[in-house]
């Protein structure tokens, strides 16, 4: 009888370890942090970061990407055919940036938080923007 009790106790320890292991694996697989909110989901392109492009530009050459960042150093210039061209730096919170160029005049201002969709060109080291969306942050909404 005593052997039977010890045997069941040993099984309970293994059962507890297995349950703990299964729960841990479940949380790792599902990401347990919830879903990340995608800003401007209508912007087409592979969601990535500026840092990833700067680390591996060859991997992203010619890829359609979607990047989030803060607008810096906005310049508007006329090209040969009098079509305006807008260029700016899109920077992340770590200070990394990438040049964004657009063949039209877009309404972007310094310090706007935007999502840009376009083609990355490694030779120019810039994004040729096809889409852009200014994202209103919570602080901006409260100010209005």
N, C-alpha and C. Protein backbone atom coordinates (compact mmCIF):
# COMPACT_ATOMS: atom_id res chain seq x y z
N UNK A 1 0.82 -1.19 0.00
CA UNK A 1 0.00 0.00 0.00
C UNK A 1 0.87 1.25 0.00
N UNK A 2 1.92 1.27 0.78
CA UNK A 2 2.82 2.40 0.88
C UNK A 2 3.52 2.65 -0.46
N UNK A 3 3.91 1.58 -1.17
CA UNK A 3 4.53 1.73 -2.48
C UNK A 3 3.58 2.37 -3.48
N UNK A 4 2.31 2.04 -3.38
CA UNK A 4 1.32 2.58 -4.30
C UNK A 4 1.15 4.09 -4.10
N UNK A 5 1.18 4.55 -2.89
CA UNK A 5 1.06 5.98 -2.59
C UNK A 5 2.26 6.74 -3.14
N UNK A 6 3.47 6.23 -2.92
CA UNK A 6 4.67 6.88 -3.44
C UNK A 6 4.66 6.92 -4.97
N UNK A 7 4.17 5.89 -5.58
CA UNK A 7 4.11 5.83 -7.04
C UNK A 7 3.17 6.90 -7.59
N UNK A 8 2.00 7.07 -6.97
CA UNK A 8 1.05 8.09 -7.39
C UNK A 8 1.62 9.49 -7.18
N UNK A 9 2.32 9.70 -6.09
CA UNK A 9 2.94 10.99 -5.82
C UNK A 9 3.96 11.32 -6.91
N UNK A 10 4.74 10.34 -7.34
CA UNK A 10 5.72 10.54 -8.41
C UNK A 10 5.03 10.89 -9.72
N UNK A 11 3.91 10.24 -10.01
CA UNK A 11 3.15 10.53 -11.22
C UNK A 11 2.61 11.96 -11.17
N UNK A 12 2.15 12.42 -10.02
CA UNK A 12 1.63 13.77 -9.89
C UNK A 12 2.72 14.81 -10.18
N UNK A 13 3.94 14.56 -9.74
CA UNK A 13 5.06 15.47 -10.02
C UNK A 13 5.31 15.56 -11.53
N UNK A 14 5.34 14.41 -12.20
CA UNK A 14 5.55 14.40 -13.65
C UNK A 14 4.40 15.08 -14.38
N UNK A 15 3.18 14.86 -13.90
CA UNK A 15 2.01 15.48 -14.52
C UNK A 15 2.11 17.00 -14.39
N UNK A 16 2.48 17.50 -13.24
CA UNK A 16 2.63 18.94 -13.02
C UNK A 16 3.70 19.52 -13.93
N UNK A 17 4.81 18.83 -14.07
CA UNK A 17 5.89 19.29 -14.95
C UNK A 17 5.41 19.35 -16.40
N UNK A 18 4.67 18.35 -16.83
CA UNK A 18 4.17 18.31 -18.21
C UNK A 18 3.18 19.43 -18.48
N UNK A 19 2.28 19.66 -17.54
CA UNK A 19 1.31 20.75 -17.69
C UNK A 19 2.04 22.08 -17.77
N UNK A 20 3.00 22.30 -16.89
CA UNK A 20 3.76 23.54 -16.90
C UNK A 20 4.47 23.72 -18.25
N UNK A 21 5.08 22.65 -18.74
CA UNK A 21 5.78 22.70 -20.01
C UNK A 21 4.82 23.02 -21.15
N UNK A 22 3.65 22.39 -21.18
CA UNK A 22 2.66 22.64 -22.23
C UNK A 22 2.15 24.09 -22.20
N UNK A 23 1.90 24.60 -21.00
CA UNK A 23 1.43 25.97 -20.88
C UNK A 23 2.51 26.94 -21.35
N UNK A 24 3.75 26.69 -20.97
CA UNK A 24 4.86 27.55 -21.40
C UNK A 24 5.01 27.54 -22.91
N UNK A 25 4.97 26.38 -23.52
CA UNK A 25 5.08 26.27 -24.98
C UNK A 25 3.91 26.98 -25.65
N UNK A 26 2.72 26.84 -25.11
CA UNK A 26 1.54 27.52 -25.67
C UNK A 26 1.75 29.03 -25.70
N UNK A 27 2.21 29.60 -24.58
CA UNK A 27 2.42 31.05 -24.54
C UNK A 27 3.54 31.50 -25.47
N UNK A 28 4.56 30.70 -25.63
CA UNK A 28 5.64 31.05 -26.55
C UNK A 28 5.12 31.06 -27.99
N UNK A 29 4.36 30.06 -28.35
CA UNK A 29 3.85 29.96 -29.72
C UNK A 29 2.84 31.06 -30.02
N UNK A 30 1.95 31.34 -29.09
CA UNK A 30 0.91 32.35 -29.34
C UNK A 30 1.39 33.77 -29.14
N UNK A 31 2.54 33.95 -28.56
CA UNK A 31 3.09 35.29 -28.39
C UNK A 31 2.60 36.00 -27.15
N UNK A 32 1.78 35.45 -26.37
CA UNK A 32 1.24 35.87 -25.08
C UNK A 32 1.14 37.38 -24.85
N UNK A 33 1.70 38.21 -25.72
CA UNK A 33 1.62 39.65 -25.53
C UNK A 33 0.44 40.26 -26.24
N UNK A 34 -0.39 39.45 -26.84
CA UNK A 34 -1.51 39.97 -27.60
C UNK A 34 -1.08 40.34 -29.00
N UNK A 35 -2.03 40.82 -29.77
CA UNK A 35 -1.73 41.19 -31.15
C UNK A 35 -1.20 42.61 -31.20
N UNK A 36 -0.22 42.82 -32.07
CA UNK A 36 0.32 44.16 -32.27
C UNK A 36 -0.61 44.89 -33.22
N UNK A 37 -0.96 46.10 -32.87
CA UNK A 37 -1.84 46.90 -33.71
C UNK A 37 -1.06 47.39 -34.93
N UNK A 38 -1.61 47.13 -36.11
CA UNK A 38 -0.98 47.56 -37.35
C UNK A 38 -1.51 48.95 -37.69
N UNK A 39 -0.62 49.91 -37.79
CA UNK A 39 -1.01 51.26 -38.16
C UNK A 39 -1.19 51.35 -39.67
N UNK A 40 -2.21 52.03 -40.10
CA UNK A 40 -2.50 52.25 -41.53
C UNK A 40 -2.45 50.94 -42.31
N UNK A 41 -3.36 50.01 -42.03
CA UNK A 41 -3.32 48.70 -42.70
C UNK A 41 -3.54 48.77 -44.21
N UNK A 42 -4.08 49.88 -44.71
CA UNK A 42 -4.31 50.01 -46.15
C UNK A 42 -3.01 50.26 -46.94
N UNK A 43 -1.93 50.60 -46.26
CA UNK A 43 -0.64 50.80 -46.92
C UNK A 43 -0.08 49.43 -47.29
N UNK A 44 0.19 49.26 -48.57
CA UNK A 44 0.67 47.97 -49.06
C UNK A 44 2.18 47.85 -48.92
N UNK A 45 2.64 46.65 -48.67
CA UNK A 45 4.06 46.38 -48.57
C UNK A 45 4.39 45.51 -47.39
N UNK A 46 5.58 44.95 -47.43
CA UNK A 46 6.06 44.11 -46.34
C UNK A 46 6.41 45.00 -45.15
N UNK A 47 5.76 44.78 -44.02
CA UNK A 47 6.03 45.58 -42.82
C UNK A 47 7.42 45.23 -42.30
N UNK A 48 8.23 46.24 -42.19
CA UNK A 48 9.59 46.05 -41.69
C UNK A 48 10.02 47.32 -40.97
N UNK A 49 11.25 47.34 -40.52
CA UNK A 49 11.76 48.52 -39.82
C UNK A 49 12.89 49.15 -40.62
N UNK A 50 13.15 50.40 -40.33
CA UNK A 50 14.26 51.11 -40.98
C UNK A 50 15.57 50.40 -40.65
N UNK A 51 15.72 49.98 -39.41
CA UNK A 51 16.94 49.31 -38.97
C UNK A 51 17.21 48.05 -39.79
N UNK A 52 16.18 47.26 -40.06
CA UNK A 52 16.36 46.03 -40.84
C UNK A 52 16.84 46.34 -42.25
N UNK A 53 16.31 47.38 -42.85
CA UNK A 53 16.74 47.74 -44.20
C UNK A 53 18.19 48.20 -44.19
N UNK A 54 18.56 49.01 -43.19
CA UNK A 54 19.93 49.51 -43.12
C UNK A 54 20.92 48.39 -42.84
N UNK A 55 20.52 47.38 -42.07
CA UNK A 55 21.41 46.26 -41.78
C UNK A 55 21.62 45.38 -43.01
N UNK A 56 20.56 45.19 -43.79
CA UNK A 56 20.64 44.28 -44.93
C UNK A 56 19.98 44.88 -46.17
N UNK A 57 20.60 45.90 -46.77
CA UNK A 57 19.97 46.57 -47.92
C UNK A 57 19.81 45.67 -49.13
N UNK A 58 20.71 44.75 -49.34
CA UNK A 58 20.62 43.85 -50.49
C UNK A 58 19.37 42.97 -50.42
N UNK A 59 19.00 42.56 -49.23
CA UNK A 59 17.83 41.70 -49.06
C UNK A 59 16.54 42.43 -49.40
N UNK A 60 16.52 43.75 -49.27
CA UNK A 60 15.30 44.52 -49.51
C UNK A 60 15.30 45.23 -50.86
N UNK A 61 16.38 45.13 -51.63
CA UNK A 61 16.48 45.85 -52.90
C UNK A 61 15.34 45.45 -53.84
N UNK A 62 14.55 46.43 -54.24
CA UNK A 62 13.42 46.20 -55.15
C UNK A 62 12.16 45.72 -54.45
N UNK A 63 12.20 45.55 -53.14
CA UNK A 63 11.04 45.06 -52.41
C UNK A 63 10.05 46.19 -52.13
N UNK A 64 8.78 45.83 -52.12
CA UNK A 64 7.74 46.78 -51.72
C UNK A 64 7.62 46.67 -50.21
N UNK A 65 7.92 47.77 -49.53
CA UNK A 65 7.96 47.77 -48.07
C UNK A 65 7.00 48.81 -47.50
N UNK A 66 6.67 48.64 -46.24
CA UNK A 66 5.87 49.61 -45.49
C UNK A 66 6.62 49.92 -44.21
N UNK A 67 6.92 51.19 -44.00
CA UNK A 67 7.71 51.63 -42.86
C UNK A 67 6.97 52.69 -42.06
N UNK A 68 7.18 52.66 -40.76
CA UNK A 68 6.65 53.69 -39.86
C UNK A 68 7.80 54.56 -39.41
N UNK A 69 7.53 55.85 -39.25
CA UNK A 69 8.58 56.72 -38.74
C UNK A 69 8.16 58.17 -38.65
N UNK A 70 9.11 59.00 -38.28
CA UNK A 70 8.89 60.43 -38.09
C UNK A 70 9.54 61.19 -39.23
N UNK A 71 8.81 62.16 -39.77
CA UNK A 71 9.28 62.96 -40.90
C UNK A 71 10.28 64.00 -40.42
N UNK A 72 11.42 64.06 -41.11
CA UNK A 72 12.46 65.06 -40.82
C UNK A 72 12.97 65.66 -42.13
N UNK A 73 13.40 66.90 -42.09
CA UNK A 73 14.06 67.58 -43.21
C UNK A 73 13.28 67.48 -44.53
N UNK A 74 12.07 67.99 -44.54
CA UNK A 74 11.22 67.96 -45.74
C UNK A 74 11.74 68.97 -46.76
N UNK A 75 11.90 68.52 -48.01
CA UNK A 75 12.32 69.39 -49.11
C UNK A 75 11.40 69.15 -50.29
N UNK A 76 11.00 70.21 -50.95
CA UNK A 76 10.21 70.07 -52.17
C UNK A 76 10.98 70.76 -53.29
N UNK A 77 11.14 70.06 -54.39
CA UNK A 77 11.88 70.61 -55.52
C UNK A 77 11.16 70.28 -56.82
N UNK A 78 11.47 71.03 -57.84
CA UNK A 78 10.89 70.76 -59.15
C UNK A 78 11.88 69.96 -59.97
N UNK A 79 11.39 68.96 -60.66
CA UNK A 79 12.24 68.17 -61.54
C UNK A 79 12.19 68.79 -62.93
N UNK A 80 12.89 68.18 -63.87
CA UNK A 80 13.00 68.76 -65.22
C UNK A 80 11.65 69.06 -65.87
N UNK A 81 10.68 68.19 -65.68
CA UNK A 81 9.39 68.39 -66.33
C UNK A 81 8.41 69.20 -65.47
N UNK A 82 8.94 70.03 -64.57
CA UNK A 82 8.16 70.89 -63.68
C UNK A 82 7.20 70.15 -62.77
N UNK A 83 7.40 68.86 -62.63
CA UNK A 83 6.60 68.10 -61.68
C UNK A 83 7.29 68.17 -60.33
N UNK A 84 6.55 68.54 -59.28
CA UNK A 84 7.20 68.66 -57.98
C UNK A 84 7.65 67.29 -57.45
N UNK A 85 8.70 67.32 -56.68
CA UNK A 85 9.21 66.11 -56.06
C UNK A 85 9.46 66.43 -54.59
N UNK A 86 8.96 65.57 -53.71
CA UNK A 86 9.13 65.76 -52.28
C UNK A 86 10.11 64.72 -51.76
N UNK A 87 11.05 65.16 -50.94
CA UNK A 87 12.02 64.26 -50.30
C UNK A 87 12.07 64.60 -48.82
N UNK A 88 12.23 63.56 -48.01
CA UNK A 88 12.40 63.76 -46.58
C UNK A 88 13.09 62.55 -45.97
N UNK A 89 13.57 62.74 -44.76
CA UNK A 89 14.15 61.64 -43.99
C UNK A 89 13.03 61.03 -43.15
N UNK A 90 12.93 59.72 -43.19
CA UNK A 90 12.01 59.00 -42.31
C UNK A 90 12.87 58.36 -41.23
N UNK A 91 12.68 58.81 -39.99
CA UNK A 91 13.55 58.31 -38.92
C UNK A 91 12.76 57.52 -37.89
N UNK A 92 13.46 56.59 -37.24
CA UNK A 92 12.84 55.83 -36.15
C UNK A 92 13.25 56.46 -34.82
N UNK A 93 12.82 55.87 -33.75
CA UNK A 93 13.11 56.44 -32.42
C UNK A 93 14.55 56.27 -31.99
N UNK A 94 15.30 55.42 -32.71
CA UNK A 94 16.72 55.21 -32.39
C UNK A 94 17.63 56.16 -33.15
N UNK A 95 17.06 56.97 -34.03
CA UNK A 95 17.87 57.91 -34.81
C UNK A 95 18.24 57.39 -36.19
N UNK A 96 17.92 56.14 -36.51
CA UNK A 96 18.17 55.62 -37.86
C UNK A 96 17.20 56.30 -38.83
N UNK A 97 17.66 56.54 -40.04
CA UNK A 97 16.75 57.15 -41.01
C UNK A 97 17.03 56.62 -42.41
N UNK A 98 16.04 56.81 -43.27
CA UNK A 98 16.14 56.46 -44.67
C UNK A 98 15.47 57.57 -45.47
N UNK A 99 15.98 57.87 -46.63
CA UNK A 99 15.42 58.92 -47.48
C UNK A 99 14.17 58.39 -48.18
N UNK A 100 13.14 59.22 -48.22
CA UNK A 100 11.91 58.89 -48.93
C UNK A 100 11.72 59.95 -50.01
N UNK A 101 11.45 59.51 -51.23
CA UNK A 101 11.18 60.46 -52.31
C UNK A 101 9.83 60.14 -52.93
N UNK A 102 9.12 61.20 -53.33
CA UNK A 102 7.82 61.06 -53.96
C UNK A 102 7.77 61.96 -55.19
N UNK A 103 7.16 61.48 -56.26
CA UNK A 103 7.09 62.24 -57.51
C UNK A 103 6.04 63.32 -57.50
N UNK A 104 5.32 63.47 -56.45
CA UNK A 104 4.29 64.50 -56.36
C UNK A 104 4.48 65.28 -55.08
N UNK A 105 3.69 66.31 -54.94
CA UNK A 105 3.74 67.11 -53.72
C UNK A 105 2.76 66.50 -52.72
N UNK A 106 3.26 66.11 -51.56
CA UNK A 106 2.43 65.51 -50.53
C UNK A 106 2.41 66.43 -49.33
N UNK A 107 1.33 66.37 -48.61
CA UNK A 107 1.21 67.22 -47.44
C UNK A 107 1.79 66.48 -46.23
N UNK A 108 3.08 66.63 -46.05
CA UNK A 108 3.76 66.10 -44.87
C UNK A 108 4.53 67.25 -44.24
N UNK A 109 4.58 67.23 -42.93
CA UNK A 109 5.26 68.29 -42.21
C UNK A 109 6.30 67.69 -41.28
N UNK A 110 7.21 68.52 -40.84
CA UNK A 110 8.20 68.09 -39.86
C UNK A 110 7.51 67.46 -38.66
N UNK A 111 8.08 66.37 -38.18
CA UNK A 111 7.63 65.67 -36.98
C UNK A 111 6.30 64.93 -37.13
N UNK A 112 5.75 64.84 -38.33
CA UNK A 112 4.57 63.99 -38.55
C UNK A 112 4.97 62.54 -38.38
N UNK A 113 4.11 61.75 -37.78
CA UNK A 113 4.33 60.30 -37.70
C UNK A 113 3.57 59.70 -38.88
N UNK A 114 4.29 59.00 -39.76
CA UNK A 114 3.68 58.51 -41.00
C UNK A 114 3.98 57.03 -41.21
N UNK A 115 3.17 56.44 -42.06
CA UNK A 115 3.45 55.10 -42.59
C UNK A 115 3.63 55.29 -44.09
N UNK A 116 4.77 54.83 -44.60
CA UNK A 116 5.11 54.99 -46.01
C UNK A 116 5.16 53.62 -46.66
N UNK A 117 4.53 53.51 -47.82
CA UNK A 117 4.60 52.29 -48.62
C UNK A 117 5.27 52.62 -49.94
N UNK A 118 6.24 51.82 -50.33
CA UNK A 118 6.94 52.08 -51.59
C UNK A 118 8.00 51.04 -51.86
N UNK A 119 8.81 51.32 -52.88
CA UNK A 119 9.85 50.39 -53.32
C UNK A 119 11.20 50.89 -52.81
N UNK A 120 11.96 49.99 -52.18
CA UNK A 120 13.30 50.34 -51.71
C UNK A 120 14.29 50.15 -52.84
N UNK A 121 15.08 51.17 -53.12
CA UNK A 121 16.14 51.13 -54.15
C UNK A 121 17.49 51.24 -53.45
N UNK A 122 18.24 50.15 -53.50
CA UNK A 122 19.54 50.11 -52.82
C UNK A 122 20.54 51.06 -53.45
N UNK A 123 20.52 51.19 -54.78
CA UNK A 123 21.50 52.05 -55.45
C UNK A 123 21.31 53.52 -55.07
N UNK A 124 20.08 53.94 -54.87
CA UNK A 124 19.81 55.32 -54.44
C UNK A 124 19.75 55.43 -52.92
N UNK A 125 19.66 54.28 -52.25
CA UNK A 125 19.50 54.20 -50.81
C UNK A 125 18.30 55.03 -50.36
N UNK A 126 17.15 54.77 -51.01
CA UNK A 126 15.94 55.50 -50.67
C UNK A 126 14.70 54.67 -50.97
N UNK A 127 13.59 55.13 -50.44
CA UNK A 127 12.29 54.53 -50.71
C UNK A 127 11.59 55.41 -51.74
N UNK A 128 11.14 54.82 -52.84
CA UNK A 128 10.31 55.52 -53.81
C UNK A 128 8.87 55.33 -53.36
N UNK A 129 8.32 56.33 -52.70
CA UNK A 129 7.01 56.20 -52.06
C UNK A 129 5.88 56.16 -53.08
N UNK A 130 4.96 55.26 -52.85
CA UNK A 130 3.74 55.16 -53.66
C UNK A 130 2.52 55.53 -52.82
N UNK A 131 2.62 55.31 -51.51
CA UNK A 131 1.53 55.62 -50.58
C UNK A 131 2.11 56.22 -49.31
N UNK A 132 1.35 57.10 -48.71
CA UNK A 132 1.76 57.66 -47.43
C UNK A 132 0.52 58.00 -46.62
N UNK A 133 0.60 57.76 -45.35
CA UNK A 133 -0.53 58.04 -44.45
C UNK A 133 0.02 58.69 -43.19
N UNK A 134 -0.49 59.87 -42.88
CA UNK A 134 -0.12 60.54 -41.64
C UNK A 134 -0.98 59.92 -40.54
N UNK A 135 -0.34 59.44 -39.48
CA UNK A 135 -1.03 58.76 -38.39
C UNK A 135 -1.20 59.74 -37.24
N UNK A 136 -2.45 59.89 -36.78
CA UNK A 136 -2.71 60.75 -35.63
C UNK A 136 -2.44 59.95 -34.37
N UNK A 137 -1.52 60.43 -33.58
CA UNK A 137 -1.21 59.77 -32.31
C UNK A 137 -2.20 60.23 -31.25
N UNK A 138 -2.29 59.53 -30.14
CA UNK A 138 -3.27 59.85 -29.10
C UNK A 138 -3.13 61.29 -28.60
N UNK A 139 -1.91 61.75 -28.46
CA UNK A 139 -1.70 63.11 -27.99
C UNK A 139 -2.27 64.12 -28.97
N UNK A 140 -2.12 63.84 -30.30
CA UNK A 140 -2.66 64.73 -31.32
C UNK A 140 -4.18 64.77 -31.27
N UNK A 141 -4.81 63.65 -31.02
CA UNK A 141 -6.26 63.57 -30.97
C UNK A 141 -6.79 64.38 -29.79
N UNK A 142 -6.13 64.26 -28.63
CA UNK A 142 -6.56 64.98 -27.43
C UNK A 142 -6.42 66.48 -27.61
N UNK A 143 -5.44 66.94 -28.37
CA UNK A 143 -5.18 68.36 -28.55
C UNK A 143 -6.26 69.02 -29.40
N UNK A 144 -6.94 68.25 -30.24
CA UNK A 144 -7.94 68.83 -31.14
C UNK A 144 -9.21 69.14 -30.46
